[in-house]
PDB file of N, CA and C in Angstrom:
ATOM      1  N   UNK A   1    -128.599  39.068 -73.994  1.00  0.00           N
ATOM      2  CA  UNK A   1    -128.372  39.152 -72.169  1.00  0.00           C
ATOM      3  C   UNK A   1    -127.673  40.119 -71.488  1.00  0.00           C
ATOM      4  N   UNK A   2    -128.282  40.673 -70.586  1.00  0.00           N
ATOM      5  CA  UNK A   2    -127.589  42.125 -70.001  1.00  0.00           C
ATOM      6  C   UNK A   2    -126.913  41.569 -68.910  1.00  0.00           C
ATOM      7  N   UNK A   3    -125.624  41.722 -68.213  1.00  0.00           N
ATOM      8  CA  UNK A   3    -125.282  41.081 -67.233  1.00  0.00           C
ATOM      9  C   UNK A   3    -125.443  42.111 -66.543  1.00  0.00           C
ATOM     10  N   UNK A   4    -125.475  41.621 -64.790  1.00  0.00           N
ATOM     11  CA  UNK A   4    -126.267  42.389 -63.702  1.00  0.00           C
ATOM     12  C   UNK A   4    -126.490  41.168 -62.986  1.00  0.00           C
ATOM     13  N   UNK A   5    -126.926  41.881 -61.596  1.00  0.00           N
ATOM     14  CA  UNK A   5    -127.421  40.774 -60.542  1.00  0.00           C
ATOM     15  C   UNK A   5    -128.866  40.272 -60.706  1.00  0.00           C
ATOM     16  N   UNK A   6    -128.875  39.225 -60.474  1.00  0.00           N
ATOM     17  CA  UNK A   6    -130.433  38.430 -60.765  1.00  0.00           C
ATOM     18  C   UNK A   6    -131.012  38.806 -59.470  1.00  0.00           C
ATOM     19  N   UNK A   7    -132.670  39.442 -59.486  1.00  0.00           N
ATOM     20  CA  UNK A   7    -133.117  40.235 -58.830  1.00  0.00           C
ATOM     21  C   UNK A   7    -133.355  39.254 -57.574  1.00  0.00           C
ATOM     22  N   UNK A   8    -133.266  37.747 -57.539  1.00  0.00           N
ATOM     23  CA  UNK A   8    -133.396  36.958 -56.598  1.00  0.00           C
ATOM     24  C   UNK A   8    -132.454  37.053 -55.108  1.00  0.00           C
ATOM     25  N   UNK A   9    -131.223  37.430 -55.982  1.00  0.00           N
ATOM     26  CA  UNK A   9    -129.784  37.170 -55.268  1.00  0.00           C
ATOM     27  C   UNK A   9    -130.444  38.566 -54.843  1.00  0.00           C
ATOM     28  N   UNK A  10    -130.607  39.827 -55.291  1.00  0.00           N
ATOM     29  CA  UNK A  10    -130.644  41.344 -54.819  1.00  0.00           C
ATOM     30  C   UNK A  10    -131.012  41.299 -53.612  1.00  0.00           C
ATOM     31  N   UNK A  11    -132.744  40.755 -53.382  1.00  0.00           N
ATOM     32  CA  UNK A  11    -133.444  40.347 -52.266  1.00  0.00           C
ATOM     33  C   UNK A  11    -132.523  39.844 -51.465  1.00  0.00           C
ATOM     34  N   UNK A  12    -131.586  38.762 -51.408  1.00  0.00           N
ATOM     35  CA  UNK A  12    -131.083  37.661 -50.558  1.00  0.00           C
ATOM     36  C   UNK A  12    -129.836  38.732 -49.461  1.00  0.00           C
ATOM     37  N   UNK A  13    -129.245  39.388 -50.855  1.00  0.00           N
ATOM     38  CA  UNK A  13    -128.541  40.385 -50.301  1.00  0.00           C
ATOM     39  C   UNK A  13    -128.474  41.500 -49.702  1.00  0.00           C
ATOM     40  N   UNK A  14    -129.589  42.062 -49.349  1.00  0.00           N
ATOM     41  CA  UNK A  14    -130.363  42.889 -49.139  1.00  0.00           C
ATOM     42  C   UNK A  14    -130.597  42.835 -47.466  1.00  0.00           C
ATOM     43  N   UNK A  15    -130.831  41.669 -47.473  1.00  0.00           N
ATOM     44  CA  UNK A  15    -131.125  41.142 -46.042  1.00  0.00           C
ATOM     45  C   UNK A  15    -129.806  40.510 -44.995  1.00  0.00           C
ATOM     46  N   UNK A  16    -129.091  41.014 -45.784  1.00  0.00           N
ATOM     47  CA  UNK A  16    -127.492  40.390 -45.282  1.00  0.00           C
ATOM     48  C   UNK A  16    -127.207  41.771 -44.833  1.00  0.00           C
ATOM     49  N   UNK A  17    -126.924  41.910 -42.943  1.00  0.00           N
ATOM     50  CA  UNK A  17    -125.841  43.168 -42.146  1.00  0.00           C
ATOM     51  C   UNK A  17    -125.017  42.812 -41.862  1.00  0.00           C
ATOM     52  N   UNK A  18    -124.275  43.516 -40.610  1.00  0.00           N
ATOM     53  CA  UNK A  18    -123.604  43.523 -39.777  1.00  0.00           C
ATOM     54  C   UNK A  18    -124.362  43.040 -38.746  1.00  0.00           C
ATOM     55  N   UNK A  19    -123.913  41.741 -38.130  1.00  0.00           N
ATOM     56  CA  UNK A  19    -124.417  40.942 -37.304  1.00  0.00           C
ATOM     57  C   UNK A  19    -124.101  41.951 -35.684  1.00  0.00           C
ATOM     58  N   UNK A  20    -125.243  41.903 -35.232  1.00  0.00           N
ATOM     59  CA  UNK A  20    -125.490  42.760 -33.749  1.00  0.00           C
ATOM     60  C   UNK A  20    -124.356  42.599 -33.101  1.00  0.00           C
ATOM     61  N   UNK A  21    -123.596  43.714 -32.425  1.00  0.00           N
ATOM     62  CA  UNK A  21    -122.505  43.016 -31.459  1.00  0.00           C
ATOM     63  C   UNK A  21    -123.165  42.412 -30.048  1.00  0.00           C
ATOM     64  N   UNK A  22    -122.103  41.503 -29.652  1.00  0.00           N
ATOM     65  CA  UNK A  22    -122.779  40.870 -28.496  1.00  0.00           C
ATOM     66  C   UNK A  22    -121.504  40.567 -27.477  1.00  0.00           C
ATOM     67  N   UNK A  23    -122.182  40.545 -25.876  1.00  0.00           N
ATOM     68  CA  UNK A  23    -120.195  40.506 -25.484  1.00  0.00           C
ATOM     69  C   UNK A  23    -119.661  38.694 -25.909  1.00  0.00           C
ATOM     70  N   UNK A  24    -118.513  38.872 -25.741  1.00  0.00           N
ATOM     71  CA  UNK A  24    -117.956  37.129 -26.120  1.00  0.00           C
ATOM     72  C   UNK A  24    -118.199  36.711 -24.536  1.00  0.00           C
ATOM     73  N   UNK A  25    -118.486  35.129 -25.364  1.00  0.00           N
ATOM     74  CA  UNK A  25    -118.747  33.861 -24.578  1.00  0.00           C
ATOM     75  C   UNK A  25    -118.322  32.740 -24.865  1.00  0.00           C
ATOM     76  N   UNK A  26    -116.947  32.595 -24.118  1.00  0.00           N
ATOM     77  CA  UNK A  26    -116.286  31.064 -24.887  1.00  0.00           C
ATOM     78  C   UNK A  26    -117.216  29.766 -24.416  1.00  0.00           C
ATOM     79  N   UNK A  27    -116.572  28.698 -25.824  1.00  0.00           N
ATOM     80  CA  UNK A  27    -117.297  27.903 -25.933  1.00  0.00           C
ATOM     81  C   UNK A  27    -116.943  26.927 -24.556  1.00  0.00           C
ATOM     82  N   UNK A  28    -117.502  26.257 -24.439  1.00  0.00           N
ATOM     83  CA  UNK A  28    -116.978  24.752 -22.976  1.00  0.00           C
ATOM     84  C   UNK A  28    -116.028  24.295 -23.435  1.00  0.00           C
ATOM     85  N   UNK A  29    -115.453  23.692 -25.184  1.00  0.00           N
ATOM     86  CA  UNK A  29    -114.241  23.450 -24.868  1.00  0.00           C
ATOM     87  C   UNK A  29    -113.186  24.185 -25.029  1.00  0.00           C
ATOM     88  N   UNK A  30    -113.301  25.347 -25.234  1.00  0.00           N
ATOM     89  CA  UNK A  30    -112.317  26.672 -24.977  1.00  0.00           C
ATOM     90  C   UNK A  30    -111.809  26.967 -23.232  1.00  0.00           C
ATOM     91  N   UNK A  31    -112.977  26.514 -22.575  1.00  0.00           N
ATOM     92  CA  UNK A  31    -112.644  26.716 -21.144  1.00  0.00           C
ATOM     93  C   UNK A  31    -112.233  25.541 -20.847  1.00  0.00           C
ATOM     94  N   UNK A  32    -112.387  24.116 -21.355  1.00  0.00           N
ATOM     95  CA  UNK A  32    -111.591  23.354 -20.881  1.00  0.00           C
ATOM     96  C   UNK A  32    -110.138  22.997 -20.900  1.00  0.00           C
ATOM     97  N   UNK A  33    -110.288  24.076 -22.246  1.00  0.00           N
ATOM     98  CA  UNK A  33    -108.881  23.826 -22.901  1.00  0.00           C
ATOM     99  C   UNK A  33    -107.283  24.483 -21.841  1.00  0.00           C
ATOM    100  N   UNK A  34    -108.323  25.615 -21.153  1.00  0.00           N
ATOM    101  CA  UNK A  34    -107.602  26.871 -20.479  1.00  0.00           C
ATOM    102  C   UNK A  34    -107.132  25.784 -18.994  1.00  0.00           C
ATOM    103  N   UNK A  35    -108.387  25.046 -18.836  1.00  0.00           N
ATOM    104  CA  UNK A  35    -108.230  24.087 -17.586  1.00  0.00           C
ATOM    105  C   UNK A  35    -106.628  23.317 -17.623  1.00  0.00           C
ATOM    106  N   UNK A  36    -106.944  22.343 -19.403  1.00  0.00           N
ATOM    107  CA  UNK A  36    -105.955  21.520 -19.439  1.00  0.00           C
ATOM    108  C   UNK A  36    -104.528  22.172 -19.154  1.00  0.00           C
ATOM    109  N   UNK A  37    -104.782  23.196 -19.903  1.00  0.00           N
ATOM    110  CA  UNK A  37    -103.388  23.703 -20.037  1.00  0.00           C
ATOM    111  C   UNK A  37    -102.792  24.550 -18.568  1.00  0.00           C
ATOM    112  N   UNK A  38    -103.773  24.383 -17.641  1.00  0.00           N
ATOM    113  CA  UNK A  38    -103.523  24.865 -16.429  1.00  0.00           C
ATOM    114  C   UNK A  38    -102.319  23.471 -15.216  1.00  0.00           C
ATOM    115  N   UNK A  39    -102.506  22.219 -15.837  1.00  0.00           N
ATOM    116  CA  UNK A  39    -102.027  21.037 -15.964  1.00  0.00           C
ATOM    117  C   UNK A  39    -100.970  20.996 -16.560  1.00  0.00           C
ATOM    118  N   UNK A  40    -100.891  20.903 -18.150  1.00  0.00           N
ATOM    119  CA  UNK A  40     -99.650  20.269 -18.733  1.00  0.00           C
ATOM    120  C   UNK A  40     -99.997  20.937 -20.065  1.00  0.00           C
ATOM    121  N   UNK A  41     -99.205  20.890 -20.899  1.00  0.00           N
ATOM    122  CA  UNK A  41     -99.072  21.655 -22.594  1.00  0.00           C
ATOM    123  C   UNK A  41    -100.502  21.055 -23.189  1.00  0.00           C
ATOM    124  N   UNK A  42    -101.034  21.723 -23.758  1.00  0.00           N
ATOM    125  CA  UNK A  42    -102.457  21.346 -24.173  1.00  0.00           C
ATOM    126  C   UNK A  42    -102.454  21.326 -25.959  1.00  0.00           C
ATOM    127  N   UNK A  43    -102.458  20.656 -26.220  1.00  0.00           N
ATOM    128  CA  UNK A  43    -102.774  20.701 -27.954  1.00  0.00           C
ATOM    129  C   UNK A  43    -104.714  20.363 -28.313  1.00  0.00           C
ATOM    130  N   UNK A  44    -104.886  21.586 -29.203  1.00  0.00           N
ATOM    131  CA  UNK A  44    -106.586  22.058 -29.119  1.00  0.00           C
ATOM    132  C   UNK A  44    -106.378  21.784 -30.998  1.00  0.00           C
ATOM    133  N   UNK A  45    -107.495  20.851 -31.099  1.00  0.00           N
ATOM    134  CA  UNK A  45    -107.743  20.929 -32.455  1.00  0.00           C
ATOM    135  C   UNK A  45    -108.952  20.985 -32.977  1.00  0.00           C
ATOM    136  N   UNK A  46    -109.391  22.095 -33.753  1.00  0.00           N
ATOM    137  CA  UNK A  46    -110.599  22.713 -34.036  1.00  0.00           C
ATOM    138  C   UNK A  46    -110.920  22.755 -35.449  1.00  0.00           C
ATOM    139  N   UNK A  47    -111.682  23.339 -36.048  1.00  0.00           N
ATOM    140  CA  UNK A  47    -112.475  23.570 -37.361  1.00  0.00           C
ATOM    141  C   UNK A  47    -111.679  25.076 -37.593  1.00  0.00           C
ATOM    142  N   UNK A  48    -111.554  25.504 -38.443  1.00  0.00           N
ATOM    143  CA  UNK A  48    -111.288  26.887 -38.677  1.00  0.00           C
ATOM    144  C   UNK A  48    -112.361  27.956 -38.270  1.00  0.00           C
ATOM    145  N   UNK A  49    -111.963  28.726 -37.971  1.00  0.00           N
ATOM    146  CA  UNK A  49    -113.101  29.708 -37.014  1.00  0.00           C
ATOM    147  C   UNK A  49    -113.855  28.997 -36.152  1.00  0.00           C
ATOM    148  N   UNK A  50    -113.042  27.868 -34.919  1.00  0.00           N
ATOM    149  CA  UNK A  50    -114.082  27.825 -34.321  1.00  0.00           C
ATOM    150  C   UNK A  50    -113.415  28.398 -32.307  1.00  0.00           C
ATOM    151  N   UNK A  51    -112.599  29.185 -32.859  1.00  0.00           N
ATOM    152  CA  UNK A  51    -112.172  29.797 -31.469  1.00  0.00           C
ATOM    153  C   UNK A  51    -110.404  29.263 -31.201  1.00  0.00           C
ATOM    154  N   UNK A  52    -109.976  28.872 -31.443  1.00  0.00           N
ATOM    155  CA  UNK A  52    -108.293  28.304 -31.195  1.00  0.00           C
ATOM    156  C   UNK A  52    -107.423  29.450 -30.890  1.00  0.00           C
ATOM    157  N   UNK A  53    -107.837  30.514 -31.464  1.00  0.00           N
ATOM    158  CA  UNK A  53    -106.595  31.706 -31.217  1.00  0.00           C
ATOM    159  C   UNK A  53    -107.084  32.358 -29.834  1.00  0.00           C
ATOM    160  N   UNK A  54    -108.437  32.148 -29.283  1.00  0.00           N
ATOM    161  CA  UNK A  54    -109.006  32.704 -28.442  1.00  0.00           C
ATOM    162  C   UNK A  54    -107.914  32.366 -27.180  1.00  0.00           C
ATOM    163  N   UNK A  55    -107.987  30.522 -27.430  1.00  0.00           N
ATOM    164  CA  UNK A  55    -107.495  29.618 -26.566  1.00  0.00           C
ATOM    165  C   UNK A  55    -105.992  30.103 -26.495  1.00  0.00           C
ATOM    166  N   UNK A  56    -105.286  30.476 -27.530  1.00  0.00           N
ATOM    167  CA  UNK A  56    -103.683  30.626 -27.466  1.00  0.00           C
ATOM    168  C   UNK A  56    -104.019  32.386 -26.911  1.00  0.00           C
ATOM    169  N   UNK A  57    -104.716  33.081 -26.961  1.00  0.00           N
ATOM    170  CA  UNK A  57    -104.484  34.337 -26.567  1.00  0.00           C
ATOM    171  C   UNK A  57    -103.888  33.956 -25.132  1.00  0.00           C
ATOM    172  N   UNK A  58    -105.576  34.196 -24.710  1.00  0.00           N
ATOM    173  CA  UNK A  58    -105.209  33.474 -23.223  1.00  0.00           C
ATOM    174  C   UNK A  58    -104.230  32.524 -22.375  1.00  0.00           C
ATOM    175  N   UNK A  59    -103.977  31.763 -23.157  1.00  0.00           N
ATOM    176  CA  UNK A  59    -102.791  31.644 -22.433  1.00  0.00           C
ATOM    177  C   UNK A  59    -101.270  32.304 -22.488  1.00  0.00           C
ATOM    178  N   UNK A  60    -101.058  32.704 -23.784  1.00  0.00           N
ATOM    179  CA  UNK A  60     -99.557  33.153 -23.905  1.00  0.00           C
ATOM    180  C   UNK A  60     -99.739  34.492 -23.122  1.00  0.00           C
ATOM    181  N   UNK A  61    -101.164  35.097 -23.040  1.00  0.00           N
ATOM    182  CA  UNK A  61    -101.015  36.384 -21.249  1.00  0.00           C
ATOM    183  C   UNK A  61    -100.451  35.782 -20.693  1.00  0.00           C
ATOM    184  N   UNK A  62    -101.291  34.375 -20.038  1.00  0.00           N
ATOM    185  CA  UNK A  62    -100.538  34.252 -18.747  1.00  0.00           C
ATOM    186  C   UNK A  62     -99.600  33.988 -18.385  1.00  0.00           C
ATOM    187  N   UNK A  63     -98.829  33.244 -19.603  1.00  0.00           N
ATOM    188  CA  UNK A  63     -97.307  33.017 -19.654  1.00  0.00           C
ATOM    189  C   UNK A  63     -96.528  33.975 -19.306  1.00  0.00           C
ATOM    190  N   UNK A  64     -97.032  35.193 -20.166  1.00  0.00           N
ATOM    191  CA  UNK A  64     -96.057  36.198 -20.315  1.00  0.00           C
ATOM    192  C   UNK A  64     -96.416  36.874 -18.623  1.00  0.00           C
ATOM    193  N   UNK A  65     -97.635  36.889 -18.263  1.00  0.00           N
ATOM    194  CA  UNK A  65     -97.647  37.615 -17.117  1.00  0.00           C
ATOM    195  C   UNK A  65     -96.901  36.930 -16.058  1.00  0.00           C
ATOM    196  N   UNK A  66     -96.426  35.378 -16.231  1.00  0.00           N
ATOM    197  CA  UNK A  66     -95.631  34.800 -15.292  1.00  0.00           C
ATOM    198  C   UNK A  66     -94.252  34.792 -15.713  1.00  0.00           C
ATOM    199  N   UNK A  67     -93.641  35.508 -16.350  1.00  0.00           N
ATOM    200  CA  UNK A  67     -92.661  35.807 -17.027  1.00  0.00           C
ATOM    201  C   UNK A  67     -92.217  34.869 -17.625  1.00  0.00           C
ATOM    202  N   UNK A  68     -93.073  34.026 -18.479  1.00  0.00           N
ATOM    203  CA  UNK A  68     -92.656  32.911 -18.783  1.00  0.00           C
ATOM    204  C   UNK A  68     -92.549  33.455 -20.552  1.00  0.00           C
ATOM    205  N   UNK A  69     -92.034  32.149 -21.461  1.00  0.00           N
ATOM    206  CA  UNK A  69     -91.484  32.586 -22.751  1.00  0.00           C
ATOM    207  C   UNK A  69     -92.927  30.960 -23.437  1.00  0.00           C
ATOM    208  N   UNK A  70     -93.560  31.700 -24.455  1.00  0.00           N
ATOM    209  CA  UNK A  70     -94.175  31.149 -25.177  1.00  0.00           C
ATOM    210  C   UNK A  70     -94.375  31.275 -26.935  1.00  0.00           C
ATOM    211  N   UNK A  71     -94.581  30.033 -27.215  1.00  0.00           N
ATOM    212  CA  UNK A  71     -94.724  30.324 -29.198  1.00  0.00           C
ATOM    213  C   UNK A  71     -96.024  29.684 -29.595  1.00  0.00           C
ATOM    214  N   UNK A  72     -96.112  30.084 -30.943  1.00  0.00           N
ATOM    215  CA  UNK A  72     -97.454  30.041 -31.381  1.00  0.00           C
ATOM    216  C   UNK A  72     -97.160  29.068 -32.868  1.00  0.00           C
ATOM    217  N   UNK A  73     -97.770  28.023 -33.155  1.00  0.00           N
ATOM    218  CA  UNK A  73     -97.303  27.303 -34.192  1.00  0.00           C
ATOM    219  C   UNK A  73     -98.506  27.177 -35.391  1.00  0.00           C
ATOM    220  N   UNK A  74     -98.198  27.388 -36.615  1.00  0.00           N
ATOM    221  CA  UNK A  74     -99.568  27.192 -37.055  1.00  0.00           C
ATOM    222  C   UNK A  74     -98.926  26.617 -38.917  1.00  0.00           C
ATOM    223  N   UNK A  75     -99.887  25.888 -39.156  1.00  0.00           N
ATOM    224  CA  UNK A  75     -99.284  25.145 -40.492  1.00  0.00           C
ATOM    225  C   UNK A  75     -99.333  25.916 -41.901  1.00  0.00           C
ATOM    226  N   UNK A  76     -99.893  27.087 -41.931  1.00  0.00           N
ATOM    227  CA  UNK A  76     -99.919  27.935 -42.881  1.00  0.00           C
ATOM    228  C   UNK A  76     -98.988  29.332 -42.801  1.00  0.00           C
ATOM    229  N   UNK A  77     -97.552  29.188 -43.535  1.00  0.00           N
ATOM    230  CA  UNK A  77     -97.011  30.635 -43.398  1.00  0.00           C
ATOM    231  C   UNK A  77     -97.553  31.911 -42.802  1.00  0.00           C
ATOM    232  N   UNK A  78     -98.782  32.116 -44.240  1.00  0.00           N
ATOM    233  CA  UNK A  78     -99.371  33.215 -44.350  1.00  0.00           C
ATOM    234  C   UNK A  78    -100.421  33.693 -42.812  1.00  0.00           C
ATOM    235  N   UNK A  79    -100.722  32.448 -42.215  1.00  0.00           N
ATOM    236  CA  UNK A  79    -101.398  32.715 -40.760  1.00  0.00           C
ATOM    237  C   UNK A  79    -100.245  32.538 -39.454  1.00  0.00           C
ATOM    238  N   UNK A  80     -99.457  32.590 -39.918  1.00  0.00           N
ATOM    239  CA  UNK A  80     -98.043  32.645 -38.356  1.00  0.00           C
ATOM    240  C   UNK A  80     -97.616  33.859 -39.096  1.00  0.00           C
ATOM    241  N   UNK A  81     -97.440  34.345 -39.884  1.00  0.00           N
ATOM    242  CA  UNK A  81     -97.282  36.344 -40.162  1.00  0.00           C
ATOM    243  C   UNK A  81     -98.012  37.149 -39.683  1.00  0.00           C
ATOM    244  N   UNK A  82     -99.406  36.656 -39.795  1.00  0.00           N
ATOM    245  CA  UNK A  82    -100.858  37.034 -39.687  1.00  0.00           C
ATOM    246  C   UNK A  82    -100.656  37.059 -38.138  1.00  0.00           C
ATOM    247  N   UNK A  83    -100.739  36.256 -37.632  1.00  0.00           N
ATOM    248  CA  UNK A  83    -100.749  36.096 -36.153  1.00  0.00           C
ATOM    249  C   UNK A  83     -99.482  36.461 -35.391  1.00  0.00           C
ATOM    250  N   UNK A  84     -98.553  36.686 -35.958  1.00  0.00           N
ATOM    251  CA  UNK A  84     -97.325  37.308 -35.568  1.00  0.00           C
ATOM    252  C   UNK A  84     -97.578  39.046 -35.333  1.00  0.00           C
ATOM    253  N   UNK A  85     -98.056  39.093 -36.390  1.00  0.00           N
ATOM    254  CA  UNK A  85     -98.421  40.739 -36.301  1.00  0.00           C
ATOM    255  C   UNK A  85     -99.512  40.962 -35.377  1.00  0.00           C
ATOM    256  N   UNK A  86    -100.461  40.087 -35.059  1.00  0.00           N
ATOM    257  CA  UNK A  86    -101.523  40.305 -34.137  1.00  0.00           C
ATOM    258  C   UNK A  86    -101.293  40.415 -33.038  1.00  0.00           C
ATOM    259  N   UNK A  87    -100.419  39.061 -32.801  1.00  0.00           N
ATOM    260  CA  UNK A  87     -99.459  38.892 -30.968  1.00  0.00           C
ATOM    261  C   UNK A  87     -98.906  40.066 -30.975  1.00  0.00           C
ATOM    262  N   UNK A  88     -98.135  41.084 -32.062  1.00  0.00           N
ATOM    263  CA  UNK A  88     -97.189  41.726 -31.172  1.00  0.00           C
ATOM    264  C   UNK A  88     -97.752  42.757 -30.607  1.00  0.00           C
ATOM    265  N   UNK A  89     -98.990  43.146 -31.969  1.00  0.00           N
ATOM    266  CA  UNK A  89     -99.816  44.181 -31.208  1.00  0.00           C
ATOM    267  C   UNK A  89    -100.351  44.082 -29.759  1.00  0.00           C
ATOM    268  N   UNK A  90    -100.990  42.799 -29.671  1.00  0.00           N
ATOM    269  CA  UNK A  90    -101.296  42.691 -28.248  1.00  0.00           C
ATOM    270  C   UNK A  90    -100.140  42.853 -27.219  1.00  0.00           C
ATOM    271  N   UNK A  91     -99.472  41.892 -27.231  1.00  0.00           N
ATOM    272  CA  UNK A  91     -98.855  41.155 -26.529  1.00  0.00           C
ATOM    273  C   UNK A  91     -97.241  42.522 -26.477  1.00  0.00           C
TER     274      UNK A  91
END
């Protein structure tokens, strides 16, 4: 047997491309979290990739505009380091 890509997989992979760029629209839970944040501290729990960082970015931006201080916590050191790098550029 010669190594190579299964012809069925080639057809599947050929159909995969870059998604079309669309304007970002926050989910309802993201908007609810930002509203909750206006009244008190807010803890958001959601699956990986669900958009928690967007909420944090919006909240941190607002806090910094009001000359406050913010912190971001993550359960993984690698993610904390990555977010520190991203936030250093962003803010």
